[in-house]
Amino acid sequence: MMHLFKHTAKFFEHLNKNVFYLASAQVFSMTAMNINIITTGLAGFIIAPYGWLSTFPLSLQFILTMISTFPCSILMSKYGRKRIFLAGIISISFGGFLMTIALIQRNFYIFCLGSIFLGIGHSSSLFYRYAATETVPKSVQPKAMSLVLSAGLIAAFLGPYIYKMSADLVLNSLYAGSYFLMAIIQLIAVFFIIRIEIPIPPIKKHGGRKTIEIFKNPSMIRGVISAAGGYGIMSYLMTATPLQIINVCKYSISENASIIQWHVIAMFAPSFFTGTLIQRFSVERILVTGILFYLLVVVVAFLANTPDQYLLALFLLGIGWNFLYIGGSSLIVSITKPEEQGRVQGISDLIIFGTVSISSLSAGLAHYTLGWDKMVIYSLPIMLIIILANMINIKK
């Protein structure tokens, strides 16, 4: 017991109040996004004019996140993290209220408009993980990032629970209650964000390296490809899972929520020790471990024909995502100077969420036209790219 206490105390050593405020805000932001991810494909299927457009609103969110990341990063460099974080929270809440109205009125276009506001707002919350590293010693930056992302573990329980209890809350408007509560929950994050104190990074006209020079760095290439490819594959399979579970397999809303819940738990539970594992075994080994988990996912998902087997596939997918996303993000942070943060983080997340946008959009189309088995196999080429990026020694 004493050993566990010492290990816990060591983990939190050097982590300041900013990290804990960001982690707390992340709980509510991730809870809101979990409700959104579980629900949007299903809600889209109800009100979309065509079945293959069911995941378009979710893809629209990822597209707007992709488009907004770079401007968001530049604005943070100019005005500071706090102001842009608060603007993002308001944007997500407003989008949630619009989507509530859209479902009540069965208006697909208003639903898509709400998705646009969600996507723009979500782009700011992606920088919570980077912000957590900016006021702690370099040696504990992976731990700070891991702690912020580990907040998703609480969201893994809150999100599906709120989804289940609110799906039919509004009479004759399935899922409208879920979006209304999502908007309210997101606003709670304001209480924590207003308390963070992160200085604006110095802007040096002649400071830092050229952008092309930074992105030619082998570590940057591995980091971006691992984070983008890992997030893209996760989004591709996770977006299609509710469609497969509810519409094809005819499992219950409760079973769908449980599968997504355990997936999200697997995404964020490892965050408590991923930073420590990176320090102990190296980020390269963690990335390779993430790849191995993904290869196992393909086998399990392809053979799945029971709720437990789908749950196992999504659980393994979550662990693989954690190692690839945190590992890749850690590499990006490790080679970036303070005056380079705005443009480098913005471009990196632009690439990451460009990949996610394409993946989520293709998920609905692939599931609708090819079916689950074939779409799972089609994830292998992206895995091959991640493997090559991590196995081949890229030289300038």
Protein backbone atom coordinates (compact mmCIF):
# COMPACT_ATOMS: atom_id res chain seq x y z
CA MET A 1 0.00 0.00 0.00
CA MET A 2 2.84 2.34 0.91
CA HIS A 3 4.57 1.48 -2.38
CA LEU A 4 1.40 2.41 -4.30
CA PHE A 5 1.16 5.71 -2.41
CA LYS A 6 4.79 6.56 -3.20
CA HIS A 7 4.26 5.66 -6.87
CA THR A 8 1.15 7.87 -7.03
CA ALA A 9 2.94 10.77 -5.32
CA LYS A 10 5.84 10.43 -7.75
CA PHE A 11 3.44 10.50 -10.71
CA PHE A 12 1.93 13.84 -9.60
CA GLU A 13 5.31 15.38 -8.71
CA HIS A 14 6.01 18.62 -10.65
CA LEU A 15 2.45 18.75 -12.06
CA ASN A 16 0.97 22.17 -11.27
CA LYS A 17 -2.56 23.57 -10.95
CA ASN A 18 -2.82 24.32 -14.68
CA VAL A 19 -2.55 20.62 -15.46
CA PHE A 20 -5.34 19.76 -13.01
CA TYR A 21 -7.62 22.56 -14.24
CA LEU A 22 -7.10 21.42 -17.82
CA ALA A 23 -7.73 17.79 -16.84
CA SER A 24 -10.96 18.83 -15.07
CA ALA A 25 -12.14 20.82 -18.09
CA GLN A 26 -11.27 17.84 -20.26
CA VAL A 27 -13.67 15.66 -18.25
CA PHE A 28 -16.65 17.77 -19.33
CA SER A 29 -15.41 18.41 -22.86
CA MET A 30 -14.82 14.69 -23.42
CA THR A 31 -18.16 13.77 -21.84
CA ALA A 32 -19.88 16.11 -24.29
CA MET A 33 -17.92 14.70 -27.22
CA ASN A 34 -18.62 11.10 -26.15
CA ILE A 35 -22.36 11.79 -26.14
CA ASN A 36 -21.93 13.38 -29.56
CA ILE A 37 -19.92 10.50 -31.04
CA ILE A 38 -22.28 7.81 -29.75
CA THR A 39 -25.36 9.66 -30.97
CA THR A 40 -24.58 11.59 -34.16
CA GLY A 41 -24.40 8.68 -36.62
CA LEU A 42 -27.68 7.27 -35.28
CA ALA A 43 -29.41 10.68 -35.22
CA GLY A 44 -28.13 11.37 -38.72
CA PHE A 45 -29.60 8.08 -39.92
CA ILE A 46 -33.03 9.19 -38.68
CA ILE A 47 -33.17 12.62 -40.33
CA ALA A 48 -30.72 12.36 -43.27
CA PRO A 49 -32.36 12.35 -46.71
CA TYR A 50 -30.26 9.31 -47.70
CA GLY A 51 -28.85 6.50 -45.54
CA TRP A 52 -25.28 6.95 -46.74
CA LEU A 53 -25.36 10.53 -45.41
CA SER A 54 -25.94 9.31 -41.83
CA THR A 55 -22.32 9.95 -40.76
CA PHE A 56 -21.97 13.17 -42.78
CA PRO A 57 -22.71 15.47 -39.77
CA LEU A 58 -19.99 13.72 -37.74
CA SER A 59 -17.60 13.96 -40.68
CA LEU A 60 -18.51 17.64 -41.00
CA GLN A 61 -17.42 18.11 -37.39
CA PHE A 62 -14.04 16.55 -38.11
CA ILE A 63 -13.65 18.63 -41.29
CA LEU A 64 -14.35 21.87 -39.40
CA THR A 65 -12.00 20.75 -36.64
CA MET A 66 -9.33 20.17 -39.27
CA ILE A 67 -9.90 23.57 -40.91
CA SER A 68 -9.98 25.38 -37.56
CA THR A 69 -6.91 23.88 -35.88
CA PHE A 70 -4.29 26.04 -37.56
CA PRO A 71 -6.16 29.38 -37.17
CA CYS A 72 -6.98 28.36 -33.60
CA SER A 73 -3.32 27.73 -32.83
CA ILE A 74 -2.27 31.07 -34.34
CA LEU A 75 -4.97 32.90 -32.34
CA MET A 76 -3.71 31.23 -29.16
CA SER A 77 -0.19 32.44 -29.93
CA LYS A 78 -1.55 35.99 -30.21
CA TYR A 79 -4.29 36.14 -27.54
CA GLY A 80 -3.39 33.28 -25.19
CA ARG A 81 -4.83 29.82 -24.54
CA LYS A 82 -7.58 30.86 -22.11
CA ARG A 83 -9.59 33.15 -24.40
CA ILE A 84 -9.65 30.67 -27.28
CA PHE A 85 -10.49 27.76 -24.96
CA LEU A 86 -13.51 29.72 -23.64
CA ALA A 87 -14.64 30.61 -27.17
CA GLY A 88 -14.43 26.91 -28.10
CA ILE A 89 -16.60 25.87 -25.15
CA ILE A 90 -19.30 28.39 -26.13
CA SER A 91 -19.18 27.21 -29.75
CA ILE A 92 -19.71 23.56 -28.76
CA SER A 93 -22.61 24.40 -26.45
CA PHE A 94 -24.29 26.55 -29.10
CA GLY A 95 -23.89 23.72 -31.60
CA GLY A 96 -25.47 21.28 -29.14
CA PHE A 97 -28.52 23.51 -28.71
CA LEU A 98 -28.87 23.82 -32.50
CA MET A 99 -28.74 20.03 -32.90
CA THR A 100 -31.43 19.68 -30.23
CA ILE A 101 -33.71 21.99 -32.22
CA ALA A 102 -32.83 20.18 -35.45
CA LEU A 103 -33.97 16.80 -34.10
CA ILE A 104 -37.20 18.25 -32.73
CA GLN A 105 -37.93 19.80 -36.14
CA ARG A 106 -36.37 16.87 -38.07
CA ASN A 107 -34.23 19.31 -40.03
CA PHE A 108 -31.02 17.76 -41.37
CA TYR A 109 -29.58 21.12 -42.45
CA ILE A 110 -29.86 22.70 -39.00
CA PHE A 111 -28.33 19.49 -37.62
CA CYS A 112 -25.36 19.99 -39.97
CA LEU A 113 -25.10 23.67 -38.93
CA GLY A 114 -24.87 22.57 -35.29
CA SER A 115 -22.17 20.11 -36.30
CA ILE A 116 -20.16 22.98 -37.80
CA PHE A 117 -20.15 24.82 -34.46
CA LEU A 118 -19.18 21.60 -32.67
CA GLY A 119 -16.27 21.05 -35.03
CA ILE A 120 -14.98 24.61 -34.66
CA GLY A 121 -15.23 24.45 -30.87
CA HIS A 122 -13.62 21.03 -30.65
CA SER A 123 -10.50 22.34 -32.41
CA SER A 124 -9.64 24.43 -29.34
CA SER A 125 -10.05 21.60 -26.81
CA LEU A 126 -7.49 19.55 -28.74
CA PHE A 127 -4.84 21.96 -27.47
CA TYR A 128 -5.53 21.13 -23.80
CA ARG A 129 -2.89 18.39 -24.06
CA TYR A 130 -0.28 20.80 -25.44
CA ALA A 131 -1.17 23.53 -22.93
CA ALA A 132 -0.58 21.08 -20.06
CA THR A 133 3.07 20.69 -21.08
CA GLU A 134 3.89 24.40 -21.17
CA THR A 135 4.29 25.14 -17.45
CA VAL A 136 5.94 21.91 -16.27
CA PRO A 137 9.55 20.66 -16.51
CA LYS A 138 10.43 18.97 -19.81
CA SER A 139 11.04 15.66 -18.02
CA VAL A 140 7.38 15.36 -16.97
CA GLN A 141 5.72 16.73 -20.13
CA PRO A 142 4.55 13.25 -21.27
CA LYS A 143 2.99 12.73 -17.80
CA ALA A 144 1.21 16.10 -17.95
CA MET A 145 -0.18 15.26 -21.36
CA SER A 146 -1.21 11.79 -20.17
CA LEU A 147 -3.02 13.18 -17.12
CA VAL A 148 -5.09 15.58 -19.23
CA LEU A 149 -6.04 12.80 -21.64
CA SER A 150 -6.76 10.41 -18.76
CA ALA A 151 -9.70 12.65 -17.86
CA GLY A 152 -11.44 10.87 -20.70
CA LEU A 153 -11.73 7.85 -18.40
CA ILE A 154 -14.35 9.64 -16.28
CA ALA A 155 -16.04 10.77 -19.49
CA ALA A 156 -16.15 7.13 -20.58
CA PHE A 157 -18.64 6.45 -17.78
CA LEU A 158 -20.54 9.75 -17.85
CA GLY A 159 -21.04 9.95 -21.62
CA PRO A 160 -22.77 6.59 -22.23
CA TYR A 161 -24.78 6.92 -19.00
CA ILE A 162 -26.15 10.33 -20.02
CA TYR A 163 -26.79 9.03 -23.54
CA LYS A 164 -28.85 6.08 -22.24
CA MET A 165 -30.92 8.11 -19.80
CA SER A 166 -31.58 11.02 -22.18
CA ALA A 167 -31.99 9.36 -25.62
CA ASP A 168 -35.81 9.37 -25.37
CA LEU A 169 -36.11 12.29 -22.94
CA VAL A 170 -37.90 14.48 -25.49
CA LEU A 171 -41.18 12.98 -26.68
CA ASN A 172 -41.17 11.99 -30.38
CA SER A 173 -37.63 13.37 -30.81
CA LEU A 174 -35.16 10.54 -30.24
CA TYR A 175 -31.71 11.79 -29.10
CA ALA A 176 -32.79 15.47 -28.79
CA GLY A 177 -32.47 15.25 -25.00
CA SER A 178 -28.93 13.88 -25.37
CA TYR A 179 -27.75 16.93 -27.30
CA PHE A 180 -29.44 19.32 -24.88
CA LEU A 181 -27.63 17.77 -21.90
CA MET A 182 -24.41 17.67 -23.92
CA ALA A 183 -24.59 21.45 -24.39
CA ILE A 184 -25.19 22.04 -20.66
CA ILE A 185 -22.36 19.71 -19.60
CA GLN A 186 -19.89 21.41 -21.94
CA LEU A 187 -20.56 24.78 -20.28
CA ILE A 188 -19.32 23.42 -16.92
CA ALA A 189 -15.79 23.42 -18.36
CA VAL A 190 -15.83 27.25 -18.22
CA PHE A 191 -15.48 27.05 -14.41
CA PHE A 192 -12.03 25.43 -14.76
CA ILE A 193 -10.69 27.16 -17.86
CA ILE A 194 -11.09 30.65 -16.36
CA ARG A 195 -8.62 29.56 -13.63
CA ILE A 196 -5.70 28.53 -15.81
CA GLU A 197 -2.62 30.77 -16.01
CA ILE A 198 -0.50 30.04 -19.05
CA PRO A 199 1.76 32.79 -20.44
CA ILE A 200 1.56 33.62 -24.14
CA PRO A 201 4.61 32.07 -25.88
CA PRO A 202 7.19 34.61 -27.08
CA ILE A 203 6.86 35.61 -30.74
CA LYS A 204 10.22 36.04 -32.41
CA LYS A 205 10.25 37.22 -36.00
CA HIS A 206 13.59 35.59 -36.63
CA GLY A 207 13.34 32.88 -33.96
CA GLY A 208 12.81 29.20 -34.51
CA ARG A 209 13.47 27.00 -37.49
CA LYS A 210 11.77 27.03 -40.85
CA THR A 211 8.56 25.01 -40.88
CA ILE A 212 9.78 22.70 -43.66
CA GLU A 213 12.94 22.00 -41.67
CA ILE A 214 10.93 20.97 -38.60
CA PHE A 215 8.63 18.68 -40.57
CA LYS A 216 11.57 16.99 -42.31
CA ASN A 217 12.82 15.87 -38.90
CA PRO A 218 12.47 12.03 -38.69
CA SER A 219 10.94 12.27 -35.21
CA MET A 220 8.35 14.76 -36.43
CA ILE A 221 7.48 12.52 -39.38
CA ARG A 222 7.04 9.51 -37.08
CA GLY A 223 5.04 11.56 -34.60
CA VAL A 224 2.61 13.08 -37.10
CA ILE A 225 2.06 9.88 -39.09
CA SER A 226 1.56 7.80 -35.92
CA ALA A 227 -0.89 10.28 -34.36
CA ALA A 228 -2.76 10.97 -37.63
CA GLY A 229 -2.89 7.36 -38.82
CA GLY A 230 -3.77 6.03 -35.37
CA TYR A 231 -6.56 8.59 -34.89
CA GLY A 232 -7.81 8.06 -38.45
CA ILE A 233 -8.19 4.29 -38.11
CA MET A 234 -9.84 4.66 -34.71
CA SER A 235 -12.34 7.19 -36.09
CA TYR A 236 -13.01 5.02 -39.17
CA LEU A 237 -13.94 1.94 -37.15
CA MET A 238 -15.59 3.69 -34.21
CA THR A 239 -17.84 5.85 -36.42
CA ALA A 240 -19.20 2.75 -38.18
CA THR A 241 -19.63 0.68 -35.01
CA PRO A 242 -23.01 2.14 -33.86
CA LEU A 243 -24.36 1.66 -37.40
CA GLN A 244 -23.25 -1.98 -37.35
CA ILE A 245 -24.48 -2.61 -33.80
CA ILE A 246 -27.90 -0.93 -34.04
CA ASN A 247 -28.87 -1.09 -37.72
CA VAL A 248 -27.29 -4.37 -38.88
CA CYS A 249 -26.92 -6.58 -35.82
CA LYS A 250 -30.10 -5.17 -34.22
CA TYR A 251 -28.54 -5.03 -30.76
CA SER A 252 -30.04 -2.70 -28.16
CA ILE A 253 -29.20 0.93 -27.36
CA SER A 254 -27.83 -0.32 -24.04
CA GLU A 255 -25.46 -2.78 -25.76
CA ASN A 256 -24.28 -0.08 -28.15
CA ALA A 257 -23.62 2.29 -25.24
CA SER A 258 -21.71 -0.42 -23.37
CA ILE A 259 -19.47 -1.20 -26.36
CA ILE A 260 -18.63 2.48 -26.90
CA GLN A 261 -18.16 2.97 -23.16
CA TRP A 262 -15.53 0.25 -22.90
CA HIS A 263 -13.90 1.57 -26.05
CA VAL A 264 -13.54 5.03 -24.48
CA ILE A 265 -12.31 3.49 -21.21
CA ALA A 266 -9.59 1.71 -23.19
CA MET A 267 -8.74 4.96 -24.97
CA PHE A 268 -8.05 6.90 -21.79
CA ALA A 269 -7.35 4.47 -18.90
CA PRO A 270 -3.78 3.77 -20.16
CA SER A 271 -3.09 7.52 -19.97
CA PHE A 272 -2.32 7.14 -16.26
CA PHE A 273 0.82 5.20 -17.14
CA THR A 274 1.53 5.88 -20.84
CA GLY A 275 3.73 8.86 -19.95
CA THR A 276 5.68 6.74 -17.48
CA LEU A 277 6.04 3.92 -20.05
CA ILE A 278 7.39 6.42 -22.60
CA GLN A 279 9.99 7.62 -20.08
CA ARG A 280 10.99 4.08 -19.17
CA PHE A 281 10.90 2.19 -22.48
CA SER A 282 11.11 5.01 -25.11
CA VAL A 283 8.39 6.47 -27.29
CA GLU A 284 9.45 4.29 -30.25
CA ARG A 285 8.59 1.08 -28.39
CA ILE A 286 5.23 2.47 -27.27
CA LEU A 287 4.37 3.33 -30.89
CA VAL A 288 5.27 -0.18 -32.05
CA THR A 289 3.09 -1.63 -29.27
CA GLY A 290 0.21 0.54 -30.49
CA ILE A 291 0.66 -0.84 -34.02
CA LEU A 292 0.53 -4.42 -32.70
CA PHE A 293 -2.74 -3.68 -30.93
CA TYR A 294 -4.19 -2.33 -34.18
CA LEU A 295 -3.22 -5.44 -36.13
CA LEU A 296 -4.98 -7.53 -33.49
CA VAL A 297 -8.06 -5.28 -33.84
CA VAL A 298 -8.39 -6.17 -37.53
CA VAL A 299 -8.50 -9.90 -36.74
CA VAL A 300 -11.02 -9.58 -33.89
CA ALA A 301 -13.26 -7.05 -35.69
CA PHE A 302 -13.32 -9.12 -38.89
CA LEU A 303 -14.42 -12.25 -37.00
CA ALA A 304 -16.84 -10.48 -34.62
CA ASN A 305 -20.46 -11.72 -34.55
CA THR A 306 -21.49 -11.21 -30.90
CA PRO A 307 -21.71 -8.09 -28.70
CA ASP A 308 -18.77 -9.29 -26.60
CA GLN A 309 -16.58 -9.73 -29.66
CA TYR A 310 -17.40 -6.25 -30.95
CA LEU A 311 -16.65 -4.93 -27.45
CA LEU A 312 -13.26 -6.69 -27.45
CA ALA A 313 -12.38 -5.25 -30.86
CA LEU A 314 -13.26 -1.71 -29.78
CA PHE A 315 -11.45 -2.17 -26.45
CA LEU A 316 -8.22 -3.16 -28.23
CA LEU A 317 -8.75 -0.27 -30.66
CA GLY A 318 -8.89 2.16 -27.73
CA ILE A 319 -5.58 0.94 -26.24
CA GLY A 320 -3.85 1.11 -29.62
CA TRP A 321 -5.14 4.64 -30.16
CA ASN A 322 -3.81 5.75 -26.76
CA PHE A 323 -0.27 4.54 -27.47
CA LEU A 324 -0.17 5.95 -31.01
CA TYR A 325 -1.81 9.31 -30.21
CA ILE A 326 0.08 10.08 -26.99
CA GLY A 327 3.31 8.67 -28.39
CA GLY A 328 2.99 10.68 -31.59
CA SER A 329 1.99 13.87 -29.74
CA SER A 330 4.93 13.46 -27.34
CA LEU A 331 7.34 13.34 -30.29
CA ILE A 332 5.79 16.51 -31.72
CA VAL A 333 6.17 18.35 -28.38
CA SER A 334 9.70 17.07 -27.74
CA ILE A 335 11.24 18.69 -30.81
CA THR A 336 9.25 21.96 -30.80
CA LYS A 337 10.65 25.21 -29.35
CA PRO A 338 8.30 27.67 -27.56
CA GLU A 339 8.37 30.19 -30.42
CA GLU A 340 7.49 27.39 -32.88
CA GLN A 341 4.50 26.01 -30.95
CA GLY A 342 1.72 27.93 -32.70
CA ARG A 343 2.50 26.97 -36.28
CA VAL A 344 3.90 23.49 -35.60
CA GLN A 345 1.04 22.33 -33.36
CA GLY A 346 -1.48 23.93 -35.72
CA ILE A 347 -0.09 22.22 -38.82
CA SER A 348 0.29 18.90 -36.98
CA ASP A 349 -3.32 18.91 -35.83
CA LEU A 350 -4.41 20.05 -39.30
CA ILE A 351 -2.83 16.88 -40.71
CA ILE A 352 -4.20 14.70 -37.89
CA PHE A 353 -7.77 15.92 -38.23
CA GLY A 354 -7.60 16.03 -41.99
CA THR A 355 -6.98 12.29 -41.76
CA VAL A 356 -9.78 11.90 -39.20
CA SER A 357 -12.21 13.83 -41.42
CA ILE A 358 -11.55 11.61 -44.42
CA SER A 359 -11.75 8.50 -42.24
CA SER A 360 -15.07 9.34 -40.60
CA LEU A 361 -16.66 10.40 -43.89
CA SER A 362 -15.50 7.24 -45.65
CA ALA A 363 -16.71 5.11 -42.71
CA GLY A 364 -20.39 5.76 -43.37
CA LEU A 365 -19.98 5.27 -47.12
CA ALA A 366 -17.84 2.13 -46.70
CA HIS A 367 -20.24 0.55 -44.21
CA TYR A 368 -23.26 1.38 -46.38
CA THR A 369 -21.75 0.04 -49.63
CA LEU A 370 -19.25 -2.64 -48.55
CA GLY A 371 -20.41 -3.89 -45.18
CA TRP A 372 -18.48 -4.31 -41.94
CA ASP A 373 -16.07 -7.13 -42.93
CA LYS A 374 -14.68 -5.45 -46.04
CA MET A 375 -14.40 -2.01 -44.44
CA VAL A 376 -12.32 -3.52 -41.62
CA ILE A 377 -9.88 -4.99 -44.15
CA TYR A 378 -9.63 -1.61 -45.88
CA SER A 379 -7.99 -0.17 -42.75
CA LEU A 380 -4.83 -2.22 -43.39
CA PRO A 381 -3.18 0.16 -45.93
CA ILE A 382 -3.17 2.99 -43.36
CA MET A 383 -1.67 0.62 -40.80
CA LEU A 384 1.05 -0.22 -43.30
CA ILE A 385 1.93 3.48 -43.63
CA ILE A 386 2.24 3.78 -39.83
CA ILE A 387 4.44 0.68 -39.75
CA LEU A 388 6.73 2.03 -42.48
CA ALA A 389 7.03 5.41 -40.73
CA ASN A 390 8.15 3.69 -37.53
CA MET A 391 10.31 0.94 -39.01
CA ILE A 392 12.22 2.69 -41.77
CA ASN A 393 15.07 4.97 -40.72
CA ILE A 394 14.10 8.17 -42.57
CA LYS A 395 17.11 10.35 -43.34
CA LYS A 396 17.31 13.92 -44.54
